[in-house]
C-alpha atoms as a PDB file:
ATOM      1  CA  MET A   1     142.073  81.451 204.382  1.00  0.00           C
ATOM      2  CA  PHE A   2     139.917  83.628 206.861  1.00  0.00           C
ATOM      3  CA  VAL A   3     138.934  81.799 209.939  1.00  0.00           C
ATOM      4  CA  GLN A   4     136.036  83.463 212.028  1.00  0.00           C
ATOM      5  CA  GLY A   5     136.683  83.415 215.776  1.00  0.00           C
ATOM      6  CA  PRO A   6     134.518  83.840 218.686  1.00  0.00           C
ATOM      7  CA  ILE A   7     132.970  87.094 217.326  1.00  0.00           C
ATOM      8  CA  PRO A   8     129.664  85.599 215.870  1.00  0.00           C
ATOM      9  CA  ALA A   9     129.112  83.986 219.417  1.00  0.00           C
ATOM     10  CA  LEU A  10     129.741  87.139 221.166  1.00  0.00           C
ATOM     11  CA  ARG A  11     127.318  88.910 218.836  1.00  0.00           C
ATOM     12  CA  LEU A  12     124.557  86.570 219.478  1.00  0.00           C
ATOM     13  CA  PHE A  13     125.246  87.121 223.269  1.00  0.00           C
ATOM     14  CA  LEU A  14     124.979  90.874 223.058  1.00  0.00           C
ATOM     15  CA  ALA A  15     121.772  90.711 220.816  1.00  0.00           C
ATOM     16  CA  LEU A  16     120.047  88.427 223.356  1.00  0.00           C
ATOM     17  CA  VAL A  17     121.061  90.685 226.441  1.00  0.00           C
ATOM     18  CA  LEU A  18     119.891  93.851 224.319  1.00  0.00           C
ATOM     19  CA  SER A  19     116.482  92.080 223.616  1.00  0.00           C
ATOM     20  CA  THR A  20     116.132  90.880 227.109  1.00  0.00           C
ATOM     21  CA  ALA A  21     116.809  94.632 228.297  1.00  0.00           C
ATOM     22  CA  LEU A  22     114.398  95.970 225.910  1.00  0.00           C
ATOM     23  CA  ILE A  23     111.564  93.599 226.826  1.00  0.00           C
ATOM     24  CA  VAL A  24     112.131  94.614 230.504  1.00  0.00           C
ATOM     25  CA  LEU A  25     112.109  98.114 229.728  1.00  0.00           C
ATOM     26  CA  ASP A  26     109.023  97.908 227.767  1.00  0.00           C
ATOM     27  CA  THR A  27     107.246  96.074 230.278  1.00  0.00           C
ATOM     28  CA  ARG A  28     108.375  98.529 233.229  1.00  0.00           C
ATOM     29  CA  PHE A  29     108.542 101.786 231.624  1.00  0.00           C
ATOM     30  CA  GLU A  30     105.615 103.501 229.683  1.00  0.00           C
ATOM     31  CA  LYS A  31     108.199 105.685 227.675  1.00  0.00           C
ATOM     32  CA  MET A  32     109.005 102.791 225.372  1.00  0.00           C
ATOM     33  CA  GLU A  33     105.553 103.172 223.962  1.00  0.00           C
ATOM     34  CA  THR A  34     107.044 106.452 222.128  1.00  0.00           C
ATOM     35  CA  VAL A  35     110.113 104.421 220.786  1.00  0.00           C
ATOM     36  CA  ARG A  36     107.813 101.514 219.501  1.00  0.00           C
ATOM     37  CA  SER A  37     105.728 104.201 217.666  1.00  0.00           C
ATOM     38  CA  VAL A  38     108.869 105.650 215.980  1.00  0.00           C
ATOM     39  CA  LEU A  39     110.081 102.357 215.051  1.00  0.00           C
ATOM     40  CA  GLY A  40     106.744 101.444 213.643  1.00  0.00           C
ATOM     41  CA  THR A  41     106.612 104.510 211.687  1.00  0.00           C
ATOM     42  CA  GLY A  42     110.039 104.017 210.474  1.00  0.00           C
ATOM     43  CA  LEU A  43     109.416 100.454 209.253  1.00  0.00           C
ATOM     44  CA  ALA A  44     105.976 101.359 207.533  1.00  0.00           C
ATOM     45  CA  PRO A  45     107.754 101.703 204.139  1.00  0.00           C
ATOM     46  CA  VAL A  46     109.445  98.388 204.561  1.00  0.00           C
ATOM     47  CA  VAL A  47     105.902  96.564 205.157  1.00  0.00           C
ATOM     48  CA  TRP A  48     104.404  98.298 202.271  1.00  0.00           C
ATOM     49  CA  LEU A  49     107.140  97.440 199.921  1.00  0.00           C
ATOM     50  CA  GLY A  50     106.917  93.772 201.187  1.00  0.00           C
ATOM     51  CA  ASN A  51     103.128  93.715 200.392  1.00  0.00           C
ATOM     52  CA  ALA A  52     103.506  95.536 197.102  1.00  0.00           C
ATOM     53  CA  PRO A  53     104.262  92.773 194.726  1.00  0.00           C
ATOM     54  CA  GLY A  54     101.001  90.852 195.820  1.00  0.00           C
ATOM     55  CA  GLU A  55      98.887  93.875 195.515  1.00  0.00           C
ATOM     56  CA  LEU A  56     100.375  94.696 192.017  1.00  0.00           C
ATOM     57  CA  THR A  57      99.825  91.078 190.929  1.00  0.00           C
ATOM     58  CA  GLY A  58      96.006  91.272 191.895  1.00  0.00           C
ATOM     59  CA  TRP A  59      95.442  94.568 190.268  1.00  0.00           C
ATOM     60  CA  VAL A  60      97.198  93.563 187.070  1.00  0.00           C
ATOM     61  CA  ALA A  61      95.035  90.291 187.133  1.00  0.00           C
ATOM     62  CA  GLY A  62      91.947  92.431 187.517  1.00  0.00           C
ATOM     63  CA  LEU A  63      92.690  94.268 184.335  1.00  0.00           C
ATOM     64  CA  PHE A  64      93.250  91.287 182.285  1.00  0.00           C
ATOM     65  CA  THR A  65      90.109  89.175 183.419  1.00  0.00           C
ATOM     66  CA  SER A  66      89.341  86.837 180.650  1.00  0.00           C
ATOM     67  CA  ARG A  67      86.172  86.871 178.457  1.00  0.00           C
ATOM     68  CA  ASP A  68      85.183  83.506 179.704  1.00  0.00           C
ATOM     69  CA  ASP A  69      85.457  84.635 183.368  1.00  0.00           C
ATOM     70  CA  LEU A  70      83.214  87.784 182.600  1.00  0.00           C
ATOM     71  CA  SER A  71      80.748  85.532 180.409  1.00  0.00           C
ATOM     72  CA  GLU A  72      80.490  83.161 183.507  1.00  0.00           C
ATOM     73  CA  ILE A  73      79.788  85.969 185.979  1.00  0.00           C
ATOM     74  CA  ASN A  74      77.187  87.228 183.640  1.00  0.00           C
ATOM     75  CA  ASP A  75      75.404  84.030 183.403  1.00  0.00           C
ATOM     76  CA  ALA A  76      75.455  83.544 187.009  1.00  0.00           C
ATOM     77  CA  LEU A  77      73.828  87.055 187.438  1.00  0.00           C
ATOM     78  CA  GLU A  78      71.235  86.317 184.874  1.00  0.00           C
ATOM     79  CA  ALA A  79      70.465  83.093 186.613  1.00  0.00           C
ATOM     80  CA  ARG A  80      70.067  84.825 189.963  1.00  0.00           C
ATOM     81  CA  LEU A  81      67.829  87.281 188.233  1.00  0.00           C
ATOM     82  CA  LEU A  82      65.542  84.920 186.926  1.00  0.00           C
ATOM     83  CA  ILE A  83      65.286  83.096 190.332  1.00  0.00           C
ATOM     84  CA  LEU A  84      64.526  86.367 191.905  1.00  0.00           C
ATOM     85  CA  GLU A  85      61.840  87.216 189.194  1.00  0.00           C
ATOM     86  CA  ARG A  86      60.184  83.914 189.588  1.00  0.00           C
ATOM     87  CA  ARG A  87      60.061  84.287 193.360  1.00  0.00           C
ATOM     88  CA  ALA A  88      58.385  87.868 192.786  1.00  0.00           C
ATOM     89  CA  MET A  89      55.891  86.315 190.387  1.00  0.00           C
ATOM     90  CA  LYS A  90      55.140  83.587 192.642  1.00  0.00           C
ATOM     91  CA  TYR A  91      54.446  85.898 195.655  1.00  0.00           C
ATOM     92  CA  ALA A  92      52.209  88.093 193.393  1.00  0.00           C
ATOM     93  CA  ALA A  93      50.356  84.897 192.394  1.00  0.00           C
ATOM     94  CA  LEU A  94      50.049  83.821 196.000  1.00  0.00           C
ATOM     95  CA  ALA A  95      48.778  87.358 196.983  1.00  0.00           C
ATOM     96  CA  GLN A  96      46.351  87.322 194.002  1.00  0.00           C
ATOM     97  CA  GLU A  97      45.110  83.856 195.213  1.00  0.00           C
ATOM     98  CA  ASN A  98      44.741  85.053 198.602  1.00  0.00           C
ATOM     99  CA  ASN A  99      42.662  87.872 197.578  1.00  0.00           C
ATOM    100  CA  GLU A 100      40.450  85.624 195.356  1.00  0.00           C
ATOM    101  CA  LEU A 101      40.016  83.178 198.425  1.00  0.00           C
ATOM    102  CA  ARG A 102      38.827  85.877 200.422  1.00  0.00           C
ATOM    103  CA  ARG A 103      36.354  87.283 197.924  1.00  0.00           C
ATOM    104  CA  HIS A 104      35.034  83.640 197.705  1.00  0.00           C
ATOM    105  CA  LEU A 105      34.802  83.388 201.266  1.00  0.00           C
ATOM    106  CA  ASN A 106      32.625  86.445 201.474  1.00  0.00           C
ATOM    107  CA  ALA A 107      30.500  85.120 198.657  1.00  0.00           C
ATOM    108  CA  ALA A 108      30.097  81.825 200.260  1.00  0.00           C
ATOM    109  CA  ARG A 109      28.847  83.684 203.403  1.00  0.00           C
ATOM    110  CA  ALA A 110      26.180  85.541 201.259  1.00  0.00           C
ATOM    111  CA  VAL A 111      24.911  82.207 199.810  1.00  0.00           C
ATOM    112  CA  ASP A 112      22.233  80.342 201.782  1.00  0.00           C
ATOM    113  CA  ASP A 113      22.790  77.002 200.205  1.00  0.00           C
ATOM    114  CA  ARG A 114      25.756  74.697 201.057  1.00  0.00           C
ATOM    115  CA  VAL A 115      28.750  75.284 198.965  1.00  0.00           C
ATOM    116  CA  VAL A 116      32.157  73.623 198.060  1.00  0.00           C
ATOM    117  CA  LEU A 117      35.397  75.579 196.862  1.00  0.00           C
ATOM    118  CA  ALA A 118      36.717  74.081 193.751  1.00  0.00           C
ATOM    119  CA  GLU A 119      39.632  74.915 191.390  1.00  0.00           C
ATOM    120  CA  ILE A 120      39.407  75.152 187.765  1.00  0.00           C
ATOM    121  CA  VAL A 121      42.132  72.797 186.351  1.00  0.00           C
ATOM    122  CA  GLY A 122      41.272  72.621 182.537  1.00  0.00           C
ATOM    123  CA  VAL A 123      39.634  74.466 179.713  1.00  0.00           C
ATOM    124  CA  SER A 124      37.907  72.941 176.783  1.00  0.00           C
ATOM    125  CA  PRO A 125      40.245  73.257 173.599  1.00  0.00           C
ATOM    126  CA  ASP A 126      37.069  73.480 171.328  1.00  0.00           C
ATOM    127  CA  PRO A 127      36.666  77.183 170.449  1.00  0.00           C
ATOM    128  CA  PHE A 128      33.141  76.575 169.914  1.00  0.00           C
ATOM    129  CA  SER A 129      32.380  75.128 173.328  1.00  0.00           C
ATOM    130  CA  HIS A 130      32.604  77.288 176.506  1.00  0.00           C
ATOM    131  CA  GLU A 131      33.437  74.681 179.138  1.00  0.00           C
ATOM    132  CA  VAL A 132      36.045  74.386 181.981  1.00  0.00           C
ATOM    133  CA  ILE A 133      37.026  71.359 184.235  1.00  0.00           C
ATOM    134  CA  ILE A 134      37.158  71.606 188.048  1.00  0.00           C
ATOM    135  CA  ASP A 135      38.859  69.473 190.467  1.00  0.00           C
ATOM    136  CA  LYS A 136      35.698  68.139 192.390  1.00  0.00           C
ATOM    137  CA  GLY A 137      33.800  65.103 191.142  1.00  0.00           C
ATOM    138  CA  SER A 138      31.433  62.413 192.113  1.00  0.00           C
ATOM    139  CA  ARG A 139      33.449  61.513 195.264  1.00  0.00           C
ATOM    140  CA  ASN A 140      32.936  64.974 196.657  1.00  0.00           C
ATOM    141  CA  GLY A 141      29.294  64.554 196.156  1.00  0.00           C
ATOM    142  CA  VAL A 142      28.954  66.827 192.889  1.00  0.00           C
ATOM    143  CA  SER A 143      26.235  65.903 190.601  1.00  0.00           C
ATOM    144  CA  VAL A 144      24.886  67.029 187.117  1.00  0.00           C
ATOM    145  CA  GLY A 145      23.047  70.110 187.115  1.00  0.00           C
ATOM    146  CA  GLN A 146      24.619  71.919 190.125  1.00  0.00           C
ATOM    147  CA  ALA A 147      25.224  75.550 189.945  1.00  0.00           C
ATOM    148  CA  ILE A 148      28.731  77.038 189.669  1.00  0.00           C
ATOM    149  CA  LEU A 149      29.574  80.532 190.989  1.00  0.00           C
ATOM    150  CA  ASP A 150      32.614  82.736 191.287  1.00  0.00           C
ATOM    151  CA  ALA A 151      32.939  85.578 193.523  1.00  0.00           C
ATOM    152  CA  ASP A 152      30.903  87.829 191.445  1.00  0.00           C
ATOM    153  CA  GLY A 153      28.028  85.757 189.946  1.00  0.00           C
ATOM    154  CA  LEU A 154      26.707  82.704 187.988  1.00  0.00           C
ATOM    155  CA  MET A 155      29.257  81.039 185.960  1.00  0.00           C
ATOM    156  CA  GLY A 156      27.443  77.968 184.793  1.00  0.00           C
ATOM    157  CA  GLN A 157      26.501  74.473 185.827  1.00  0.00           C
ATOM    158  CA  ILE A 158      27.817  70.976 186.044  1.00  0.00           C
ATOM    159  CA  ARG A 159      27.468  69.028 182.705  1.00  0.00           C
ATOM    160  CA  GLN A 160      29.246  66.009 183.259  1.00  0.00           C
ATOM    161  CA  THR A 161      30.946  64.367 186.337  1.00  0.00           C
ATOM    162  CA  SER A 162      33.772  61.637 187.127  1.00  0.00           C
ATOM    163  CA  SER A 163      35.052  60.642 190.290  1.00  0.00           C
ATOM    164  CA  PHE A 164      37.854  63.262 190.682  1.00  0.00           C
ATOM    165  CA  THR A 165      36.687  66.048 188.198  1.00  0.00           C
ATOM    166  CA  SER A 166      33.685  67.529 186.608  1.00  0.00           C
ATOM    167  CA  ARG A 167      32.952  69.449 183.404  1.00  0.00           C
ATOM    168  CA  VAL A 168      31.248  72.862 183.626  1.00  0.00           C
ATOM    169  CA  LEU A 169      29.139  74.549 180.798  1.00  0.00           C
ATOM    170  CA  LEU A 170      29.597  78.169 181.058  1.00  0.00           C
ATOM    171  CA  ILE A 171      26.500  80.533 180.705  1.00  0.00           C
ATOM    172  CA  SER A 172      28.289  82.152 177.766  1.00  0.00           C
ATOM    173  CA  ASP A 173      28.049  78.956 175.656  1.00  0.00           C
ATOM    174  CA  SER A 174      25.692  79.235 172.607  1.00  0.00           C
ATOM    175  CA  SER A 175      23.786  76.348 173.813  1.00  0.00           C
ATOM    176  CA  HIS A 176      23.092  77.547 177.389  1.00  0.00           C
ATOM    177  CA  ALA A 177      19.971  79.436 178.599  1.00  0.00           C
ATOM    178  CA  VAL A 178      19.281  80.834 182.059  1.00  0.00           C
ATOM    179  CA  PRO A 179      15.823  81.998 183.288  1.00  0.00           C
ATOM    180  CA  VAL A 180      16.536  85.250 184.990  1.00  0.00           C
ATOM    181  CA  GLU A 181      14.662  88.368 186.264  1.00  0.00           C
ATOM    182  CA  VAL A 182      15.344  91.924 186.581  1.00  0.00           C
ATOM    183  CA  ASN A 183      16.154  92.591 190.089  1.00  0.00           C
ATOM    184  CA  ARG A 184      14.639  96.083 190.151  1.00  0.00           C
ATOM    185  CA  ASN A 185      11.235  95.029 189.338  1.00  0.00           C
ATOM    186  CA  GLY A 186      10.989  91.230 188.931  1.00  0.00           C
ATOM    187  CA  LEU A 187      10.620  91.103 185.101  1.00  0.00           C
ATOM    188  CA  ARG A 188      11.116  87.733 183.827  1.00  0.00           C
ATOM    189  CA  ALA A 189      13.173  86.687 180.670  1.00  0.00           C
ATOM    190  CA  VAL A 190      15.475  84.208 179.374  1.00  0.00           C
ATOM    191  CA  LEU A 191      19.234  84.822 179.025  1.00  0.00           C
ATOM    192  CA  LEU A 192      21.076  83.286 176.226  1.00  0.00           C
ATOM    193  CA  GLY A 193      24.819  82.470 175.586  1.00  0.00           C
ATOM    194  CA  THR A 194      26.239  84.181 172.414  1.00  0.00           C
ATOM    195  CA  GLY A 195      29.506  82.058 172.238  1.00  0.00           C
ATOM    196  CA  GLU A 196      31.339  85.251 173.474  1.00  0.00           C
ATOM    197  CA  SER A 197      32.587  85.375 177.028  1.00  0.00           C
ATOM    198  CA  ASP A 198      31.771  88.803 177.550  1.00  0.00           C
ATOM    199  CA  ARG A 199      28.172  89.158 175.920  1.00  0.00           C
ATOM    200  CA  LEU A 200      24.891  87.511 176.684  1.00  0.00           C
ATOM    201  CA  GLU A 201      21.652  88.111 174.995  1.00  0.00           C
ATOM    202  CA  LEU A 202      18.320  88.660 176.773  1.00  0.00           C
ATOM    203  CA  VAL A 203      15.293  87.415 174.546  1.00  0.00           C
ATOM    204  CA  HIS A 204      11.623  87.521 174.319  1.00  0.00           C
ATOM    205  CA  VAL A 205      11.258  90.952 176.225  1.00  0.00           C
ATOM    206  CA  PRO A 206       8.493  93.152 174.825  1.00  0.00           C
ATOM    207  CA  ASP A 207       9.242  96.482 173.552  1.00  0.00           C
ATOM    208  CA  THR A 208       7.048  97.999 176.321  1.00  0.00           C
ATOM    209  CA  ALA A 209       8.714  96.117 179.022  1.00  0.00           C
ATOM    210  CA  ASP A 210      10.213  98.280 181.889  1.00  0.00           C
ATOM    211  CA  ILE A 211      13.998  97.501 181.327  1.00  0.00           C
ATOM    212  CA  ARG A 212      17.030  99.941 181.675  1.00  0.00           C
ATOM    213  CA  GLU A 213      20.667  99.855 180.862  1.00  0.00           C
ATOM    214  CA  GLY A 214      22.498  98.906 184.047  1.00  0.00           C
ATOM    215  CA  ASP A 215      19.707  96.714 185.414  1.00  0.00           C
ATOM    216  CA  MET A 216      20.904  93.691 187.420  1.00  0.00           C
ATOM    217  CA  LEU A 217      19.819  90.276 186.159  1.00  0.00           C
ATOM    218  CA  ILE A 218      19.568  87.444 188.752  1.00  0.00           C
ATOM    219  CA  SER A 219      18.538  83.695 188.527  1.00  0.00           C
ATOM    220  CA  SER A 220      14.892  83.491 188.719  1.00  0.00           C
ATOM    221  CA  GLY A 221      14.905  79.867 189.920  1.00  0.00           C
ATOM    222  CA  LEU A 222      12.408  78.882 187.232  1.00  0.00           C
ATOM    223  CA  GLY A 223      12.837  75.345 185.847  1.00  0.00           C
ATOM    224  CA  GLY A 224      14.624  74.209 188.978  1.00  0.00           C
ATOM    225  CA  ARG A 225      18.220  74.361 187.384  1.00  0.00           C
ATOM    226  CA  PHE A 226      19.383  77.490 189.212  1.00  0.00           C
ATOM    227  CA  PRO A 227      18.833  78.515 192.795  1.00  0.00           C
ATOM    228  CA  ARG A 228      17.002  81.958 192.807  1.00  0.00           C
ATOM    229  CA  GLY A 229      18.822  85.043 193.491  1.00  0.00           C
ATOM    230  CA  TYR A 230      22.038  84.766 192.314  1.00  0.00           C
ATOM    231  CA  PRO A 231      23.633  87.549 190.184  1.00  0.00           C
ATOM    232  CA  VAL A 232      24.023  86.632 186.476  1.00  0.00           C
ATOM    233  CA  ALA A 233      24.575  89.536 184.134  1.00  0.00           C
ATOM    234  CA  GLU A 234      24.184  93.417 183.940  1.00  0.00           C
ATOM    235  CA  VAL A 235      22.159  94.871 180.980  1.00  0.00           C
ATOM    236  CA  VAL A 236      24.521  97.068 178.816  1.00  0.00           C
ATOM    237  CA  SER A 237      22.479  97.946 175.761  1.00  0.00           C
ATOM    238  CA  ILE A 238      18.912  97.993 174.631  1.00  0.00           C
ATOM    239  CA  GLY A 239      17.730  98.355 170.823  1.00  0.00           C
ATOM    240  CA  LYS A 240      14.318  98.864 169.691  1.00  0.00           C
ATOM    241  CA  GLU A 241      13.417  98.257 166.076  1.00  0.00           C
ATOM    242  CA  PRO A 242      10.208  99.928 164.611  1.00  0.00           C
ATOM    243  CA  GLY A 243       7.638  97.301 164.343  1.00  0.00           C
ATOM    244  CA  ALA A 244       9.514  94.489 166.061  1.00  0.00           C
ATOM    245  CA  PRO A 245       7.648  92.881 168.890  1.00  0.00           C
ATOM    246  CA  PHE A 246      10.699  92.337 171.091  1.00  0.00           C
ATOM    247  CA  MET A 247      13.798  94.399 172.021  1.00  0.00           C
ATOM    248  CA  SER A 248      17.306  93.565 171.321  1.00  0.00           C
ATOM    249  CA  ILE A 249      19.171  93.523 174.650  1.00  0.00           C
ATOM    250  CA  GLU A 250      22.679  92.673 175.365  1.00  0.00           C
ATOM    251  CA  ALA A 251      23.925  91.912 178.974  1.00  0.00           C
ATOM    252  CA  LYS A 252      27.392  91.406 180.324  1.00  0.00           C
ATOM    253  CA  PRO A 253      28.088  88.475 182.780  1.00  0.00           C
ATOM    254  CA  LYS A 254      28.871  89.360 186.231  1.00  0.00           C
ATOM    255  CA  ALA A 255      31.056  86.375 186.761  1.00  0.00           C
ATOM    256  CA  SER A 256      34.681  86.590 185.395  1.00  0.00           C
ATOM    257  CA  LEU A 257      34.283  83.720 183.034  1.00  0.00           C
ATOM    258  CA  ASN A 258      38.083  83.736 181.600  1.00  0.00           C
ATOM    259  CA  GLN A 259      39.719  85.009 184.629  1.00  0.00           C
ATOM    260  CA  SER A 260      38.264  82.980 187.615  1.00  0.00           C
ATOM    261  CA  HIS A 261      40.524  80.203 189.058  1.00  0.00           C
ATOM    262  CA  MET A 262      38.597  79.385 191.963  1.00  0.00           C
ATOM    263  CA  VAL A 263      34.795  78.564 191.926  1.00  0.00           C
ATOM    264  CA  LEU A 264      31.957  77.583 194.322  1.00  0.00           C
ATOM    265  CA  VAL A 265      29.958  74.391 193.760  1.00  0.00           C
ATOM    266  CA  VAL A 266      26.416  75.070 195.111  1.00  0.00           C
ATOM    267  CA  PHE A 267      24.559  72.238 196.913  1.00  0.00           C
ATOM    268  CA  ARG A 268      21.008  73.250 197.136  1.00  0.00           C
ATOM    269  CA  GLN A 269      18.836  72.319 200.202  1.00  0.00           C
ATOM    270  CA  GLN A 270      16.908  69.121 199.899  1.00  0.00           C
ATOM    271  CA  ALA A 271      13.143  69.738 199.171  1.00  0.00           C
ATOM    272  CA  ASP A 272      10.196  67.386 199.643  1.00  0.00           C
ATOM    273  CA  PRO A 273      10.128  65.311 196.334  1.00  0.00           C
ATOM    274  CA  GLU A 274       6.309  65.438 196.384  1.00  0.00           C
ATOM    275  CA  ASP A 275       6.330  69.195 196.300  1.00  0.00           C
ATOM    276  CA  VAL A 276       9.033  69.693 193.485  1.00  0.00           C
ATOM    277  CA  GLU A 277       9.033  67.848 190.286  1.00  0.00           C
ATOM    278  CA  ASP A 278      12.204  66.438 188.716  1.00  0.00           C
ATOM    279  CA  PRO A 279      13.729  69.187 186.566  1.00  0.00           C
ATOM    280  CA  VAL A 280      15.762  66.654 184.570  1.00  0.00           C
ATOM    281  CA  ASP A 281      12.602  65.241 183.166  1.00  0.00           C
ATOM    282  CA  ASP A 282      11.048  68.871 182.175  1.00  0.00           C
ATOM    283  CA  GLN A 283      14.158  70.582 181.084  1.00  0.00           C
ATOM    284  CA  PRO A 284      16.812  70.202 178.256  1.00  0.00           C
ATOM    285  CA  GLU A 285      20.067  68.412 179.451  1.00  0.00           C
ATOM    286  CA  ALA A 286      22.358  70.693 181.484  1.00  0.00           C
ATOM    287  CA  GLY A 287      20.521  73.760 180.659  1.00  0.00           C
ATOM    288  CA  GLU A 288      20.873  73.536 176.962  1.00  0.00           C
ATOM    289  CA  LEU A 289      18.527  74.757 174.389  1.00  0.00           C
ATOM    290  CA  PRO A 290      16.086  72.146 172.931  1.00  0.00           C
END
């Protein structure tokens, strides 16, 4: 049997003395920086070999990523893309709404009567009825017969009210009629809805009347339903048939009947009841044709 003597203890003592000497030399003398650099360079392969197994394992794992992991990553990326697209659409909608509010603000400044901003919250599902629903009702002072505008022109009038909402009959409805005049020369006529949102018909215009394509039609104020001077439509075509007493005239609404989201409810200034007759007694209900 081999028995170790005091040599291990001696070795430990020598290692401690050598370590202490190296620490003192490293602290006192700058030349030890060169020795440290040489030792670090020599031990670099050892450090690299020590880290090699972990690096190799990670590299191999990356080569064999499971299909489930890839599918999960792809789903996460698609979900994030949808979120970003939704935000982009929301920002675009907010920008459009801000522009529309600015346009309505400018339109409200151009109107002498008091107006209230309202939002369209519903559309009539009946394809033969051109009606929308706004978020202002009798609690906001809205009443039947009030004119409705968007930023570009006359849209229609209030047909029915409730406490919180109101139903608006658009000028494109086939039962609707608006007394208008040509802004250029004051020629009066009646503008009828055709059931198409982009086409109106100007009726009872003699074939000798002075009217041209591009003429602006504004509300004449006759009948007491609509205040005078609001843009209604623009003449787009004029037809004359031989022997016919009246011309066939089509006009395009100035208002964006199918696109506007915000509208203005017009409150006319109160007039002396002795000077103005009640228009409800003399006119068809809500501007409809008799």
